[in-house]
Amino acid sequence: VQLVESGGGLVQPGGSLRLSCAASGSIFTINVMGWYRQAPGKQRQLVAAITSGGSTNYADSVKGRFTISRDNDKSTVYLQMNSLKPEDTAVYYCNAVSVMTGPSWGQGTQVTVSS
């Protein structure tokens, strides 16, 4: 499974961004897709995940502000980020877990929240 992210950038506090991640390859074997982030000097952590059945899971720090969604036909996962805060600044990575090949990662996209 190959993953390509898009949609990062610079935004002011309180603003919004939408990240997209397109999967290719053995897409029909993907069970879970999600977003992780890694800030400088910190470990990579889960932001949000969604199963092929639509069940979602969010980090406490983003609940109520971020929404993950998935287009199974297009094998694309989205992360709508609203009310962004400076502490959301990080490199965001797309992740997909295939029942055949295990986890795959995208190249990462930078999100910077700053005035």
Protein backbone atom coordinates (compact mmCIF):
# COMPACT_ATOMS: atom_id res chain seq x y z
CA VAL A 1 0.00 0.00 0.00
CA GLN A 2 1.32 3.43 -0.95
CA LEU A 3 0.07 6.65 0.64
CA VAL A 4 0.29 10.24 -0.60
CA GLU A 5 -0.72 13.12 1.67
CA SER A 6 -1.69 16.67 0.78
CA GLY A 7 -3.21 19.73 2.38
CA GLY A 8 -0.71 20.88 4.98
CA GLY A 9 0.44 24.46 5.34
CA LEU A 10 0.56 27.55 7.51
CA VAL A 11 -2.59 28.74 9.25
CA GLN A 12 -3.38 31.24 11.97
CA PRO A 13 -4.69 30.12 15.36
CA GLY A 14 -8.40 29.44 15.13
CA GLY A 15 -8.18 28.60 11.45
CA SER A 16 -8.90 25.39 9.57
CA LEU A 17 -7.08 22.97 7.30
CA ARG A 18 -8.10 19.78 5.55
CA LEU A 19 -5.60 17.00 5.02
CA SER A 20 -6.09 14.30 2.40
CA CYS A 21 -4.40 10.94 2.01
CA ALA A 22 -4.81 8.83 -1.13
CA ALA A 23 -3.99 5.14 -0.99
CA SER A 24 -2.94 2.95 -3.90
CA GLY A 25 -1.86 -0.64 -4.29
CA SER A 26 -3.61 -3.35 -2.31
CA ILE A 27 -6.35 -0.97 -1.17
CA PHE A 28 -8.95 -3.68 -0.67
CA THR A 29 -6.87 -5.17 2.09
CA ILE A 30 -6.86 -1.96 4.15
CA ASN A 31 -8.76 -2.20 7.41
CA VAL A 32 -7.82 0.92 9.33
CA MET A 33 -6.62 4.31 8.13
CA GLY A 34 -5.54 7.15 10.33
CA TRP A 35 -3.46 10.22 11.01
CA TYR A 36 -0.53 10.56 13.35
CA ARG A 37 1.54 13.63 14.14
CA GLN A 38 5.02 14.29 15.39
CA ALA A 39 6.14 17.59 16.84
CA PRO A 40 9.85 18.46 17.19
CA GLY A 41 11.43 16.54 20.05
CA LYS A 42 8.31 14.46 20.67
CA GLN A 43 7.15 10.98 19.80
CA ARG A 44 4.74 10.30 16.99
CA GLN A 45 1.22 10.03 18.36
CA LEU A 46 -2.18 9.03 17.08
CA VAL A 47 -4.49 11.89 16.11
CA ALA A 48 -7.45 10.02 14.67
CA ALA A 49 -8.29 6.70 13.05
CA ILE A 50 -11.20 5.22 11.14
CA THR A 51 -12.03 1.63 10.27
CA SER A 52 -13.47 0.37 6.99
CA GLY A 53 -16.80 0.13 8.83
CA GLY A 54 -16.69 3.78 9.84
CA SER A 55 -15.78 3.50 13.51
CA THR A 56 -13.59 6.38 14.66
CA ASN A 57 -11.13 7.08 17.43
CA TYR A 58 -9.64 10.46 18.40
CA ALA A 59 -6.92 11.71 20.67
CA ASP A 60 -8.40 13.62 23.59
CA SER A 61 -6.55 16.77 22.54
CA VAL A 62 -8.41 16.99 19.21
CA LYS A 63 -11.89 15.76 20.12
CA GLY A 64 -14.53 18.25 19.03
CA ARG A 65 -12.11 20.07 16.72
CA PHE A 66 -10.92 17.44 14.23
CA THR A 67 -13.01 15.10 12.11
CA ILE A 68 -11.72 12.07 10.25
CA SER A 69 -13.62 10.65 7.29
CA ARG A 70 -13.01 8.04 4.66
CA ASP A 71 -14.05 7.55 1.07
CA ASN A 72 -13.74 3.81 0.55
CA ASP A 73 -14.46 4.04 -3.17
CA LYS A 74 -11.57 6.44 -3.64
CA SER A 75 -9.42 4.88 -0.92
CA THR A 76 -8.93 8.32 0.53
CA VAL A 77 -8.96 9.47 4.12
CA TYR A 78 -9.47 13.07 5.20
CA LEU A 79 -8.74 15.00 8.35
CA GLN A 80 -10.75 18.19 8.80
CA MET A 81 -9.00 20.33 11.39
CA ASN A 82 -10.88 23.27 12.88
CA SER A 83 -10.07 25.71 15.69
CA LEU A 84 -6.40 25.01 15.23
CA LYS A 85 -4.00 25.83 18.04
CA PRO A 86 -0.24 26.44 18.04
CA GLU A 87 0.19 23.12 19.83
CA ASP A 88 -1.26 21.37 16.77
CA THR A 89 1.91 22.29 14.89
CA ALA A 90 3.59 19.08 13.73
CA VAL A 91 4.33 16.87 10.78
CA TYR A 92 1.18 14.86 10.08
CA TYR A 93 1.55 11.33 8.76
CA CYS A 94 -1.08 9.18 7.11
CA ASN A 95 -1.18 5.55 8.16
CA ALA A 96 -2.94 2.53 6.69
CA VAL A 97 -3.07 -0.98 8.09
CA SER A 98 -3.48 -3.81 5.62
CA VAL A 99 -4.59 -7.24 6.78
CA MET A 100 -2.10 -8.65 4.27
CA THR A 101 0.95 -6.40 4.45
CA GLY A 102 0.69 -4.61 7.79
CA PRO A 103 1.18 -0.85 8.34
CA SER A 104 2.19 1.69 5.71
CA TRP A 105 3.13 5.35 6.14
CA GLY A 106 2.94 8.43 3.99
CA GLN A 107 5.81 10.87 3.62
CA GLY A 108 4.31 13.42 6.01
CA THR A 109 2.92 16.91 5.57
CA GLN A 110 3.82 19.94 7.70
CA VAL A 111 1.09 21.78 9.57
CA THR A 112 2.12 25.05 11.21
CA VAL A 113 -0.26 27.07 13.36
CA SER A 114 1.13 30.50 14.00
CA SER A 115 0.18 34.16 13.87
